[in-house]
Amino acid sequence: MATETAQEWAARLSAADVEAIFHKALGGHDMRGVVYALRLLATKDPHRAQELLDLIQVGVKLREGA
């Protein structure tokens, strides 16, 4: 039996699966995981990926006191 590639595995994920990965990475302060999840989500649900990115940007600005 052939080993599944990362691309094949990612292709099987739904947008909801990827968003769950995003939230897990965010909760674990894994910024690399957050970026990878957003990039993958952008291929599956670009609108939702943009919403999450916008929320992160707002949170950063609020934390900085801007």
N, C-alpha and C. Protein backbone atom coordinates (compact mmCIF):
# COMPACT_ATOMS: atom_id res chain seq x y z
N MET A 1 0.84 -1.18 0.00
CA MET A 1 0.00 0.00 0.00
C MET A 1 0.89 1.25 0.00
N ALA A 2 0.59 2.17 -0.91
CA ALA A 2 1.39 3.39 -1.03
C ALA A 2 1.07 4.35 0.11
N THR A 3 2.06 5.10 0.48
CA THR A 3 1.89 6.10 1.52
C THR A 3 1.24 7.34 0.93
N GLU A 4 0.29 7.88 1.64
CA GLU A 4 -0.41 9.08 1.20
C GLU A 4 0.50 10.29 1.33
N THR A 5 0.52 11.14 0.32
CA THR A 5 1.34 12.35 0.38
C THR A 5 0.60 13.43 1.17
N ALA A 6 1.34 14.44 1.57
CA ALA A 6 0.74 15.56 2.29
C ALA A 6 -0.32 16.25 1.43
N GLN A 7 -0.07 16.35 0.14
CA GLN A 7 -1.03 16.98 -0.77
C GLN A 7 -2.31 16.17 -0.87
N GLU A 8 -2.18 14.86 -0.92
CA GLU A 8 -3.37 14.00 -0.98
C GLU A 8 -4.18 14.09 0.31
N TRP A 9 -3.48 14.11 1.42
CA TRP A 9 -4.15 14.24 2.72
C TRP A 9 -4.88 15.57 2.80
N ALA A 10 -4.21 16.65 2.40
CA ALA A 10 -4.81 17.98 2.46
C ALA A 10 -6.02 18.09 1.54
N ALA A 11 -5.96 17.43 0.41
CA ALA A 11 -7.08 17.48 -0.54
C ALA A 11 -8.33 16.84 0.03
N ARG A 12 -8.18 15.89 0.92
CA ARG A 12 -9.32 15.20 1.52
C ARG A 12 -9.99 16.02 2.62
N LEU A 13 -9.31 17.02 3.14
CA LEU A 13 -9.85 17.81 4.24
C LEU A 13 -10.95 18.75 3.74
N SER A 14 -11.97 18.92 4.55
CA SER A 14 -13.00 19.91 4.24
C SER A 14 -12.56 21.27 4.79
N ALA A 15 -13.26 22.30 4.38
CA ALA A 15 -12.97 23.64 4.92
C ALA A 15 -13.16 23.64 6.44
N ALA A 16 -14.17 22.93 6.92
CA ALA A 16 -14.40 22.85 8.37
C ALA A 16 -13.25 22.15 9.08
N ASP A 17 -12.70 21.11 8.45
CA ASP A 17 -11.53 20.42 9.02
C ASP A 17 -10.36 21.38 9.15
N VAL A 18 -10.13 22.14 8.09
CA VAL A 18 -8.99 23.06 8.08
C VAL A 18 -9.20 24.17 9.10
N GLU A 19 -10.44 24.66 9.22
CA GLU A 19 -10.70 25.70 10.21
C GLU A 19 -10.46 25.16 11.62
N ALA A 20 -10.82 23.91 11.87
CA ALA A 20 -10.56 23.30 13.18
C ALA A 20 -9.05 23.24 13.45
N ILE A 21 -8.28 22.92 12.43
CA ILE A 21 -6.82 22.90 12.56
C ILE A 21 -6.31 24.30 12.87
N PHE A 22 -6.86 25.29 12.18
CA PHE A 22 -6.50 26.69 12.42
C PHE A 22 -6.71 27.06 13.88
N HIS A 23 -7.91 26.75 14.41
CA HIS A 23 -8.22 27.12 15.79
C HIS A 23 -7.33 26.37 16.79
N LYS A 24 -7.02 25.13 16.50
CA LYS A 24 -6.12 24.36 17.37
C LYS A 24 -4.73 24.99 17.37
N ALA A 25 -4.25 25.37 16.19
CA ALA A 25 -2.93 26.01 16.09
C ALA A 25 -2.93 27.35 16.80
N LEU A 26 -3.99 28.12 16.62
CA LEU A 26 -4.08 29.43 17.27
C LEU A 26 -4.09 29.28 18.78
N GLY A 27 -4.87 28.34 19.28
CA GLY A 27 -4.94 28.10 20.72
C GLY A 27 -3.62 27.61 21.30
N GLY A 28 -2.84 26.94 20.46
CA GLY A 28 -1.53 26.45 20.90
C GLY A 28 -0.40 27.42 20.61
N HIS A 29 -0.74 28.62 20.17
CA HIS A 29 0.26 29.65 19.84
C HIS A 29 1.26 29.16 18.80
N ASP A 30 0.77 28.32 17.90
CA ASP A 30 1.61 27.77 16.81
C ASP A 30 1.38 28.63 15.57
N MET A 31 2.13 29.70 15.45
CA MET A 31 1.90 30.65 14.37
C MET A 31 2.20 30.05 13.00
N ARG A 32 3.16 29.16 12.93
CA ARG A 32 3.43 28.48 11.66
C ARG A 32 2.22 27.64 11.25
N GLY A 33 1.62 26.96 12.21
CA GLY A 33 0.41 26.18 11.93
C GLY A 33 -0.75 27.06 11.51
N VAL A 34 -0.87 28.23 12.14
CA VAL A 34 -1.92 29.18 11.77
C VAL A 34 -1.76 29.61 10.32
N VAL A 35 -0.54 29.95 9.95
CA VAL A 35 -0.27 30.39 8.57
C VAL A 35 -0.56 29.28 7.59
N TYR A 36 -0.08 28.09 7.86
CA TYR A 36 -0.33 26.96 6.95
C TYR A 36 -1.82 26.67 6.82
N ALA A 37 -2.55 26.71 7.94
CA ALA A 37 -3.98 26.45 7.90
C ALA A 37 -4.71 27.53 7.09
N LEU A 38 -4.32 28.79 7.27
CA LEU A 38 -4.95 29.86 6.49
C LEU A 38 -4.67 29.70 5.00
N ARG A 39 -3.44 29.33 4.67
CA ARG A 39 -3.11 29.12 3.26
C ARG A 39 -3.93 27.99 2.66
N LEU A 40 -4.07 26.92 3.40
CA LEU A 40 -4.86 25.79 2.91
C LEU A 40 -6.34 26.16 2.85
N LEU A 41 -6.83 26.85 3.86
CA LEU A 41 -8.23 27.26 3.87
C LEU A 41 -8.53 28.19 2.70
N ALA A 42 -7.56 29.01 2.31
CA ALA A 42 -7.76 29.93 1.19
C ALA A 42 -8.05 29.18 -0.11
N THR A 43 -7.58 27.95 -0.23
CA THR A 43 -7.86 27.17 -1.44
C THR A 43 -9.22 26.51 -1.38
N LYS A 44 -9.77 26.39 -0.18
CA LYS A 44 -11.05 25.69 -0.01
C LYS A 44 -12.21 26.66 0.22
N ASP A 45 -11.95 27.73 0.96
CA ASP A 45 -12.98 28.73 1.26
C ASP A 45 -12.29 30.08 1.44
N PRO A 46 -11.97 30.74 0.32
CA PRO A 46 -11.22 32.00 0.38
C PRO A 46 -11.88 33.07 1.24
N HIS A 47 -13.20 33.15 1.21
CA HIS A 47 -13.92 34.16 1.99
C HIS A 47 -13.70 33.94 3.49
N ARG A 48 -13.83 32.71 3.94
CA ARG A 48 -13.64 32.41 5.37
C ARG A 48 -12.19 32.63 5.78
N ALA A 49 -11.25 32.26 4.93
CA ALA A 49 -9.83 32.49 5.24
C ALA A 49 -9.57 33.99 5.42
N GLN A 50 -10.18 34.81 4.56
CA GLN A 50 -9.99 36.26 4.68
C GLN A 50 -10.63 36.79 5.95
N GLU A 51 -11.80 36.27 6.31
CA GLU A 51 -12.44 36.67 7.56
C GLU A 51 -11.54 36.38 8.76
N LEU A 52 -10.97 35.19 8.80
CA LEU A 52 -10.10 34.82 9.92
C LEU A 52 -8.85 35.68 9.96
N LEU A 53 -8.28 35.95 8.80
CA LEU A 53 -7.09 36.81 8.73
C LEU A 53 -7.44 38.22 9.22
N ASP A 54 -8.58 38.74 8.80
CA ASP A 54 -9.02 40.06 9.25
C ASP A 54 -9.18 40.10 10.76
N LEU A 55 -9.76 39.05 11.34
CA LEU A 55 -9.93 38.99 12.78
C LEU A 55 -8.59 38.99 13.51
N ILE A 56 -7.64 38.27 12.98
CA ILE A 56 -6.31 38.26 13.59
C ILE A 56 -5.70 39.65 13.54
N GLN A 57 -5.83 40.32 12.40
CA GLN A 57 -5.26 41.66 12.26
C GLN A 57 -5.91 42.64 13.24
N VAL A 58 -7.21 42.55 13.42
CA VAL A 58 -7.90 43.40 14.39
C VAL A 58 -7.40 43.10 15.80
N GLY A 59 -7.27 41.83 16.12
CA GLY A 59 -6.77 41.45 17.45
C GLY A 59 -5.38 41.97 17.71
N VAL A 60 -4.52 41.92 16.72
CA VAL A 60 -3.16 42.42 16.87
C VAL A 60 -3.19 43.93 17.12
N LYS A 61 -4.00 44.64 16.34
CA LYS A 61 -4.09 46.10 16.51
C LYS A 61 -4.64 46.47 17.88
N LEU A 62 -5.64 45.73 18.35
CA LEU A 62 -6.19 45.99 19.68
C LEU A 62 -5.14 45.74 20.76
N ARG A 63 -4.38 44.68 20.58
CA ARG A 63 -3.34 44.37 21.57
C ARG A 63 -2.25 45.42 21.60
N GLU A 64 -1.94 45.96 20.43
CA GLU A 64 -0.92 47.00 20.34
C GLU A 64 -1.43 48.35 20.82
N GLY A 65 -2.75 48.45 21.00
CA GLY A 65 -3.33 49.71 21.47
C GLY A 65 -3.56 50.72 20.37
N ALA A 66 -3.62 50.24 19.13
CA ALA A 66 -3.80 51.17 18.01
C ALA A 66 -5.25 51.56 17.85
